[in-house]
Amino acid sequence: QVQLVESGGGLVQAGGSLRLSCAASGSFFRINAMGWYRQALGKQRELVASITSGGSKNYADSVKGRFAISRDNAKNTVSLQMNSLKPEDTAVYYCNVNMEQYRLVRNYWGQGTQVTVSS
């Protein structure tokens, strides 16, 4: 069984910063891509940022230049540094991990962490 434990959400004023972290634990062979998604109230879940096992990064246009994703392969963690936060960044943020487990490729989701940016 695989667990993803997220931390770092909270309430911050516009222009502030937060750092989200996600740690994967359990039985698996290899982690491929890791990423962060978010879902605002009444909206669909959307990709915020992702990073491959080789370190290639991808960002949503709305967060480019403000957010930075990183991962520690030795610790099976992925982090999202969020700077210059805006009220429109308010959402529940979910960690996503794509991994090889028992010769299958599977996606796992974290439980979600609330990020609220006040104006």
C-alpha atoms as a PDB file:
ATOM      1  CA  GLN A   1       0.000   0.000   0.000  1.00  0.00           C
ATOM      2  CA  VAL A   2       1.196   3.508  -0.828  1.00  0.00           C
ATOM      3  CA  GLN A   3       0.628   6.618   1.237  1.00  0.00           C
ATOM      4  CA  LEU A   4       1.131  10.221   0.202  1.00  0.00           C
ATOM      5  CA  VAL A   5       1.306  12.653   3.089  1.00  0.00           C
ATOM      6  CA  GLU A   6       1.026  16.328   2.314  1.00  0.00           C
ATOM      7  CA  SER A   7       1.923  19.285   4.480  1.00  0.00           C
ATOM      8  CA  GLY A   8       2.369  23.031   4.282  1.00  0.00           C
ATOM      9  CA  GLY A   9      -0.973  24.500   3.348  1.00  0.00           C
ATOM     10  CA  GLY A  10      -2.553  27.403   5.171  1.00  0.00           C
ATOM     11  CA  LEU A  11      -3.757  30.986   5.060  1.00  0.00           C
ATOM     12  CA  VAL A  12      -1.531  33.712   3.647  1.00  0.00           C
ATOM     13  CA  GLN A  13      -1.969  37.262   2.440  1.00  0.00           C
ATOM     14  CA  ALA A  14      -1.612  38.142  -1.211  1.00  0.00           C
ATOM     15  CA  GLY A  15       2.045  38.493  -2.124  1.00  0.00           C
ATOM     16  CA  GLY A  16       3.097  35.976   0.497  1.00  0.00           C
ATOM     17  CA  SER A  17       4.689  32.562   0.174  1.00  0.00           C
ATOM     18  CA  LEU A  18       3.949  28.990   1.142  1.00  0.00           C
ATOM     19  CA  ARG A  19       5.781  25.734   0.642  1.00  0.00           C
ATOM     20  CA  LEU A  20       3.949  22.459   0.132  1.00  0.00           C
ATOM     21  CA  SER A  21       5.579  19.085   0.631  1.00  0.00           C
ATOM     22  CA  CYS A  22       4.488  15.553  -0.142  1.00  0.00           C
ATOM     23  CA  ALA A  23       6.167  12.354   1.009  1.00  0.00           C
ATOM     24  CA  ALA A  24       5.497   8.973  -0.559  1.00  0.00           C
ATOM     25  CA  SER A  25       5.876   5.799   1.441  1.00  0.00           C
ATOM     26  CA  GLY A  26       5.005   2.154   0.984  1.00  0.00           C
ATOM     27  CA  SER A  27       5.872  -0.617  -1.407  1.00  0.00           C
ATOM     28  CA  PHE A  28       6.785   0.332  -4.947  1.00  0.00           C
ATOM     29  CA  PHE A  29       9.520  -0.228  -7.472  1.00  0.00           C
ATOM     30  CA  ARG A  30      10.094   3.230  -8.868  1.00  0.00           C
ATOM     31  CA  ILE A  31       8.542   6.686  -8.885  1.00  0.00           C
ATOM     32  CA  ASN A  32       8.155   8.264 -12.288  1.00  0.00           C
ATOM     33  CA  ALA A  33       6.544  11.712 -12.464  1.00  0.00           C
ATOM     34  CA  MET A  34       5.455  13.678  -9.421  1.00  0.00           C
ATOM     35  CA  GLY A  35       3.228  16.694  -9.467  1.00  0.00           C
ATOM     36  CA  TRP A  36       0.816  19.085  -7.857  1.00  0.00           C
ATOM     37  CA  TYR A  37      -2.769  19.723  -8.911  1.00  0.00           C
ATOM     38  CA  ARG A  38      -5.311  22.099  -7.464  1.00  0.00           C
ATOM     39  CA  GLN A  39      -9.053  22.375  -7.369  1.00  0.00           C
ATOM     40  CA  ALA A  40     -10.793  25.617  -6.562  1.00  0.00           C
ATOM     41  CA  LEU A  41     -14.385  25.662  -5.370  1.00  0.00           C
ATOM     42  CA  GLY A  42     -16.714  24.957  -8.256  1.00  0.00           C
ATOM     43  CA  LYS A  43     -13.899  24.320 -10.720  1.00  0.00           C
ATOM     44  CA  GLN A  44     -12.210  21.293 -12.216  1.00  0.00           C
ATOM     45  CA  ARG A  45      -8.933  19.970 -10.894  1.00  0.00           C
ATOM     46  CA  GLU A  46      -6.018  21.378 -12.858  1.00  0.00           C
ATOM     47  CA  LEU A  47      -2.305  20.678 -13.145  1.00  0.00           C
ATOM     48  CA  VAL A  48      -0.135  23.219 -11.354  1.00  0.00           C
ATOM     49  CA  ALA A  49       3.329  21.736 -11.854  1.00  0.00           C
ATOM     50  CA  SER A  50       5.000  18.417 -12.542  1.00  0.00           C
ATOM     51  CA  ILE A  51       8.500  17.001 -12.536  1.00  0.00           C
ATOM     52  CA  THR A  52       9.826  13.839 -14.138  1.00  0.00           C
ATOM     53  CA  SER A  53      12.271  11.407 -12.614  1.00  0.00           C
ATOM     54  CA  GLY A  54      14.969  13.077 -14.703  1.00  0.00           C
ATOM     55  CA  GLY A  55      14.112  16.514 -13.381  1.00  0.00           C
ATOM     56  CA  SER A  56      12.204  17.991 -16.322  1.00  0.00           C
ATOM     57  CA  LYS A  57       9.605  20.454 -15.085  1.00  0.00           C
ATOM     58  CA  ASN A  58       6.299  21.651 -16.422  1.00  0.00           C
ATOM     59  CA  TYR A  59       4.180  24.526 -15.100  1.00  0.00           C
ATOM     60  CA  ALA A  60       0.729  25.903 -15.713  1.00  0.00           C
ATOM     61  CA  ASP A  61       0.945  29.285 -17.409  1.00  0.00           C
ATOM     62  CA  SER A  62      -0.792  30.911 -14.453  1.00  0.00           C
ATOM     63  CA  VAL A  63       2.023  30.011 -12.047  1.00  0.00           C
ATOM     64  CA  LYS A  64       5.125  30.326 -14.218  1.00  0.00           C
ATOM     65  CA  GLY A  65       7.719  32.557 -12.601  1.00  0.00           C
ATOM     66  CA  ARG A  66       6.010  32.348  -9.202  1.00  0.00           C
ATOM     67  CA  PHE A  67       5.993  28.642  -8.296  1.00  0.00           C
ATOM     68  CA  ALA A  68       8.883  26.185  -8.281  1.00  0.00           C
ATOM     69  CA  ILE A  69       8.610  22.417  -8.068  1.00  0.00           C
ATOM     70  CA  SER A  70      11.401  20.187  -6.811  1.00  0.00           C
ATOM     71  CA  ARG A  71      11.875  16.589  -5.743  1.00  0.00           C
ATOM     72  CA  ASP A  72      14.219  14.539  -3.627  1.00  0.00           C
ATOM     73  CA  ASN A  73      14.483  11.087  -5.149  1.00  0.00           C
ATOM     74  CA  ALA A  74      16.317   9.675  -2.139  1.00  0.00           C
ATOM     75  CA  LYS A  75      13.476  10.687   0.187  1.00  0.00           C
ATOM     76  CA  ASN A  76      10.606  10.171  -2.282  1.00  0.00           C
ATOM     77  CA  THR A  77       9.374  13.693  -1.716  1.00  0.00           C
ATOM     78  CA  VAL A  78       8.108  16.470  -3.927  1.00  0.00           C
ATOM     79  CA  SER A  79       7.777  20.103  -2.915  1.00  0.00           C
ATOM     80  CA  LEU A  80       6.123  23.184  -4.336  1.00  0.00           C
ATOM     81  CA  GLN A  81       7.474  26.596  -3.412  1.00  0.00           C
ATOM     82  CA  MET A  82       4.757  29.171  -4.015  1.00  0.00           C
ATOM     83  CA  ASN A  83       5.742  32.829  -4.098  1.00  0.00           C
ATOM     84  CA  SER A  84       3.849  36.014  -4.933  1.00  0.00           C
ATOM     85  CA  LEU A  85       0.599  34.255  -4.127  1.00  0.00           C
ATOM     86  CA  LYS A  86      -2.632  35.678  -5.475  1.00  0.00           C
ATOM     87  CA  PRO A  87      -6.232  35.234  -4.298  1.00  0.00           C
ATOM     88  CA  GLU A  88      -6.893  33.197  -7.437  1.00  0.00           C
ATOM     89  CA  ASP A  89      -4.368  30.627  -6.184  1.00  0.00           C
ATOM     90  CA  THR A  90      -6.834  29.702  -3.437  1.00  0.00           C
ATOM     91  CA  ALA A  91      -7.674  26.018  -3.810  1.00  0.00           C
ATOM     92  CA  VAL A  92      -7.160  22.566  -2.389  1.00  0.00           C
ATOM     93  CA  TYR A  93      -3.772  21.354  -3.590  1.00  0.00           C
ATOM     94  CA  TYR A  94      -3.219  17.662  -4.276  1.00  0.00           C
ATOM     95  CA  CYS A  95       0.020  15.776  -4.642  1.00  0.00           C
ATOM     96  CA  ASN A  96       0.094  13.222  -7.459  1.00  0.00           C
ATOM     97  CA  VAL A  97       2.643  10.465  -7.924  1.00  0.00           C
ATOM     98  CA  ASN A  98       2.987   8.148 -10.893  1.00  0.00           C
ATOM     99  CA  MET A  99       4.874   4.988  -9.960  1.00  0.00           C
ATOM    100  CA  GLU A 100       5.706   1.467 -11.002  1.00  0.00           C
ATOM    101  CA  GLN A 101       4.277  -1.038  -8.574  1.00  0.00           C
ATOM    102  CA  TYR A 102       4.027  -4.788  -9.058  1.00  0.00           C
ATOM    103  CA  ARG A 103       4.838  -4.383 -12.781  1.00  0.00           C
ATOM    104  CA  LEU A 104       2.008  -1.908 -13.214  1.00  0.00           C
ATOM    105  CA  VAL A 105       2.064   1.858 -13.583  1.00  0.00           C
ATOM    106  CA  ARG A 106      -0.254   3.509 -11.082  1.00  0.00           C
ATOM    107  CA  ASN A 107      -1.278   6.988 -10.040  1.00  0.00           C
ATOM    108  CA  TYR A 108      -1.745   7.941  -6.414  1.00  0.00           C
ATOM    109  CA  TRP A 109      -3.216  11.087  -4.881  1.00  0.00           C
ATOM    110  CA  GLY A 110      -2.596  12.813  -1.598  1.00  0.00           C
ATOM    111  CA  GLN A 111      -5.445  13.798   0.689  1.00  0.00           C
ATOM    112  CA  GLY A 112      -5.251  17.451  -0.312  1.00  0.00           C
ATOM    113  CA  THR A 113      -4.174  20.535   1.577  1.00  0.00           C
ATOM    114  CA  GLN A 114      -6.032  23.848   1.619  1.00  0.00           C
ATOM    115  CA  VAL A 115      -4.280  26.983   0.446  1.00  0.00           C
ATOM    116  CA  THR A 116      -6.155  30.228   1.041  1.00  0.00           C
ATOM    117  CA  VAL A 117      -4.816  33.561  -0.171  1.00  0.00           C
ATOM    118  CA  SER A 118      -6.526  36.647   1.204  1.00  0.00           C
ATOM    119  CA  SER A 119      -6.593  39.957  -0.647  1.00  0.00           C
END
